[in-house]
Amino acid sequence: MLTCKQASVLLSQAQDRPLGLRERILMKLHLLICHGCTNFSRQLELMRAAIRRVRDQDN
């Protein structure tokens, strides 16, 4: 099982690279039981979407 620190690192890395099968499975298991990391994952998604919107408006 991943620690929250390991999960946050993987969530951040997932923004830049595809996670491997083992990493994805471990992440999904961790997110099923950890409300804090689930919130962090949602925050990352929201920030990424906001950045995309700003970038698209500049074009």
N, C-alpha and C. Protein backbone atom coordinates (compact mmCIF):
# COMPACT_ATOMS: atom_id res chain seq x y z
N MET A 1 0.84 -1.18 0.00
CA MET A 1 0.00 0.00 0.00
C MET A 1 0.89 1.25 0.00
N LEU A 2 0.43 2.26 -0.71
CA LEU A 2 1.17 3.52 -0.78
C LEU A 2 0.94 4.37 0.46
N THR A 3 1.94 5.14 0.82
CA THR A 3 1.73 6.17 1.83
C THR A 3 1.16 7.40 1.12
N CYS A 4 0.66 8.34 1.89
CA CYS A 4 0.14 9.57 1.29
C CYS A 4 1.24 10.33 0.56
N LYS A 5 2.43 10.32 1.10
CA LYS A 5 3.55 11.01 0.46
C LYS A 5 3.85 10.37 -0.90
N GLN A 6 3.89 9.04 -0.94
CA GLN A 6 4.14 8.34 -2.21
C GLN A 6 3.02 8.61 -3.20
N ALA A 7 1.78 8.61 -2.70
CA ALA A 7 0.63 8.87 -3.57
C ALA A 7 0.69 10.28 -4.15
N SER A 8 1.05 11.26 -3.34
CA SER A 8 1.11 12.63 -3.85
C SER A 8 2.21 12.78 -4.90
N VAL A 9 3.31 12.09 -4.71
CA VAL A 9 4.39 12.13 -5.71
C VAL A 9 3.89 11.52 -7.02
N LEU A 10 3.22 10.36 -6.93
CA LEU A 10 2.71 9.71 -8.14
C LEU A 10 1.63 10.55 -8.81
N LEU A 11 0.76 11.17 -8.02
CA LEU A 11 -0.26 12.03 -8.61
C LEU A 11 0.38 13.19 -9.37
N SER A 12 1.42 13.75 -8.81
CA SER A 12 2.13 14.84 -9.49
C SER A 12 2.83 14.34 -10.75
N GLN A 13 3.47 13.18 -10.66
CA GLN A 13 4.15 12.62 -11.82
C GLN A 13 3.17 12.26 -12.93
N ALA A 14 1.96 11.85 -12.55
CA ALA A 14 0.95 11.47 -13.53
C ALA A 14 0.54 12.65 -14.41
N GLN A 15 0.83 13.86 -13.96
CA GLN A 15 0.55 15.04 -14.77
C GLN A 15 1.51 15.13 -15.96
N ASP A 16 2.69 14.50 -15.84
CA ASP A 16 3.73 14.62 -16.85
C ASP A 16 4.02 13.34 -17.61
N ARG A 17 3.60 12.20 -17.04
CA ARG A 17 3.91 10.93 -17.70
C ARG A 17 2.81 9.93 -17.37
N PRO A 18 2.62 8.96 -18.26
CA PRO A 18 1.65 7.90 -17.93
C PRO A 18 2.20 6.99 -16.84
N LEU A 19 1.35 6.66 -15.89
CA LEU A 19 1.76 5.74 -14.84
C LEU A 19 1.70 4.31 -15.36
N GLY A 20 2.59 3.49 -14.83
CA GLY A 20 2.58 2.08 -15.19
C GLY A 20 1.40 1.37 -14.55
N LEU A 21 1.15 0.14 -14.96
CA LEU A 21 0.02 -0.63 -14.46
C LEU A 21 0.06 -0.77 -12.94
N ARG A 22 1.21 -1.15 -12.41
CA ARG A 22 1.35 -1.33 -10.96
C ARG A 22 1.09 -0.02 -10.23
N GLU A 23 1.63 1.08 -10.76
CA GLU A 23 1.43 2.39 -10.14
C GLU A 23 -0.05 2.78 -10.15
N ARG A 24 -0.72 2.53 -11.27
CA ARG A 24 -2.14 2.86 -11.38
C ARG A 24 -2.99 2.06 -10.39
N ILE A 25 -2.67 0.78 -10.26
CA ILE A 25 -3.42 -0.07 -9.33
C ILE A 25 -3.20 0.39 -7.89
N LEU A 26 -1.95 0.61 -7.53
CA LEU A 26 -1.65 1.08 -6.18
C LEU A 26 -2.33 2.42 -5.90
N MET A 27 -2.32 3.30 -6.89
CA MET A 27 -2.94 4.62 -6.73
C MET A 27 -4.44 4.48 -6.53
N LYS A 28 -5.09 3.68 -7.35
CA LYS A 28 -6.54 3.51 -7.21
C LYS A 28 -6.91 2.93 -5.85
N LEU A 29 -6.14 1.96 -5.39
CA LEU A 29 -6.40 1.38 -4.07
C LEU A 29 -6.24 2.43 -2.98
N HIS A 30 -5.19 3.23 -3.08
CA HIS A 30 -4.96 4.26 -2.07
C HIS A 30 -6.08 5.29 -2.09
N LEU A 31 -6.49 5.71 -3.28
CA LEU A 31 -7.54 6.74 -3.38
C LEU A 31 -8.88 6.23 -2.87
N LEU A 32 -9.09 4.92 -2.92
CA LEU A 32 -10.34 4.35 -2.39
C LEU A 32 -10.46 4.54 -0.87
N ILE A 33 -9.32 4.59 -0.20
CA ILE A 33 -9.36 4.66 1.27
C ILE A 33 -8.90 6.00 1.84
N CYS A 34 -8.36 6.87 1.01
CA CYS A 34 -7.77 8.11 1.53
C CYS A 34 -8.49 9.34 0.98
N HIS A 35 -9.26 9.96 1.84
CA HIS A 35 -10.02 11.15 1.45
C HIS A 35 -9.09 12.33 1.13
N GLY A 36 -8.02 12.48 1.88
CA GLY A 36 -7.10 13.59 1.66
C GLY A 36 -6.43 13.53 0.29
N CYS A 37 -5.96 12.37 -0.09
CA CYS A 37 -5.31 12.22 -1.40
C CYS A 37 -6.32 12.32 -2.54
N THR A 38 -7.54 11.87 -2.28
CA THR A 38 -8.60 12.04 -3.28
C THR A 38 -8.84 13.52 -3.53
N ASN A 39 -8.89 14.31 -2.45
CA ASN A 39 -9.05 15.76 -2.60
C ASN A 39 -7.87 16.37 -3.34
N PHE A 40 -6.66 15.93 -3.02
CA PHE A 40 -5.46 16.44 -3.70
C PHE A 40 -5.53 16.13 -5.19
N SER A 41 -5.97 14.92 -5.53
CA SER A 41 -6.10 14.54 -6.93
C SER A 41 -7.10 15.44 -7.65
N ARG A 42 -8.22 15.72 -7.01
CA ARG A 42 -9.22 16.61 -7.61
C ARG A 42 -8.68 18.02 -7.78
N GLN A 43 -7.92 18.49 -6.79
CA GLN A 43 -7.32 19.82 -6.89
C GLN A 43 -6.36 19.90 -8.06
N LEU A 44 -5.55 18.86 -8.25
CA LEU A 44 -4.63 18.85 -9.39
C LEU A 44 -5.40 18.91 -10.71
N GLU A 45 -6.49 18.14 -10.79
CA GLU A 45 -7.30 18.14 -12.01
C GLU A 45 -7.91 19.53 -12.26
N LEU A 46 -8.41 20.17 -11.21
CA LEU A 46 -8.98 21.51 -11.36
C LEU A 46 -7.95 22.53 -11.82
N MET A 47 -6.75 22.46 -11.23
CA MET A 47 -5.68 23.39 -11.64
C MET A 47 -5.28 23.15 -13.09
N ARG A 48 -5.18 21.90 -13.48
CA ARG A 48 -4.81 21.58 -14.86
C ARG A 48 -5.87 22.09 -15.84
N ALA A 49 -7.14 21.91 -15.50
CA ALA A 49 -8.23 22.40 -16.35
C ALA A 49 -8.22 23.92 -16.44
N ALA A 50 -7.95 24.60 -15.31
CA ALA A 50 -7.91 26.06 -15.31
C ALA A 50 -6.76 26.56 -16.18
N ILE A 51 -5.63 25.91 -16.10
CA ILE A 51 -4.47 26.30 -16.93
C ILE A 51 -4.79 26.10 -18.40
N ARG A 52 -5.47 25.00 -18.73
CA ARG A 52 -5.86 24.76 -20.13
C ARG A 52 -6.78 25.87 -20.63
N ARG A 53 -7.75 26.26 -19.80
CA ARG A 53 -8.68 27.32 -20.22
C ARG A 53 -7.96 28.63 -20.47
N VAL A 54 -7.05 28.99 -19.58
CA VAL A 54 -6.28 30.23 -19.75
C VAL A 54 -5.43 30.15 -21.01
N ARG A 55 -4.78 29.01 -21.21
CA ARG A 55 -3.93 28.84 -22.39
C ARG A 55 -4.77 28.93 -23.67
N ASP A 56 -5.96 28.32 -23.66
CA ASP A 56 -6.82 28.34 -24.85
C ASP A 56 -7.36 29.74 -25.13
N GLN A 57 -7.56 30.54 -24.10
CA GLN A 57 -8.04 31.91 -24.29
C GLN A 57 -6.95 32.78 -24.93
N ASP A 58 -5.69 32.46 -24.66
CA ASP A 58 -4.59 33.23 -25.21
C ASP A 58 -4.38 32.96 -26.70
N ASN A 59 -4.93 31.86 -27.19
CA ASN A 59 -4.75 31.51 -28.62
C ASN A 59 -5.76 32.13 -29.48
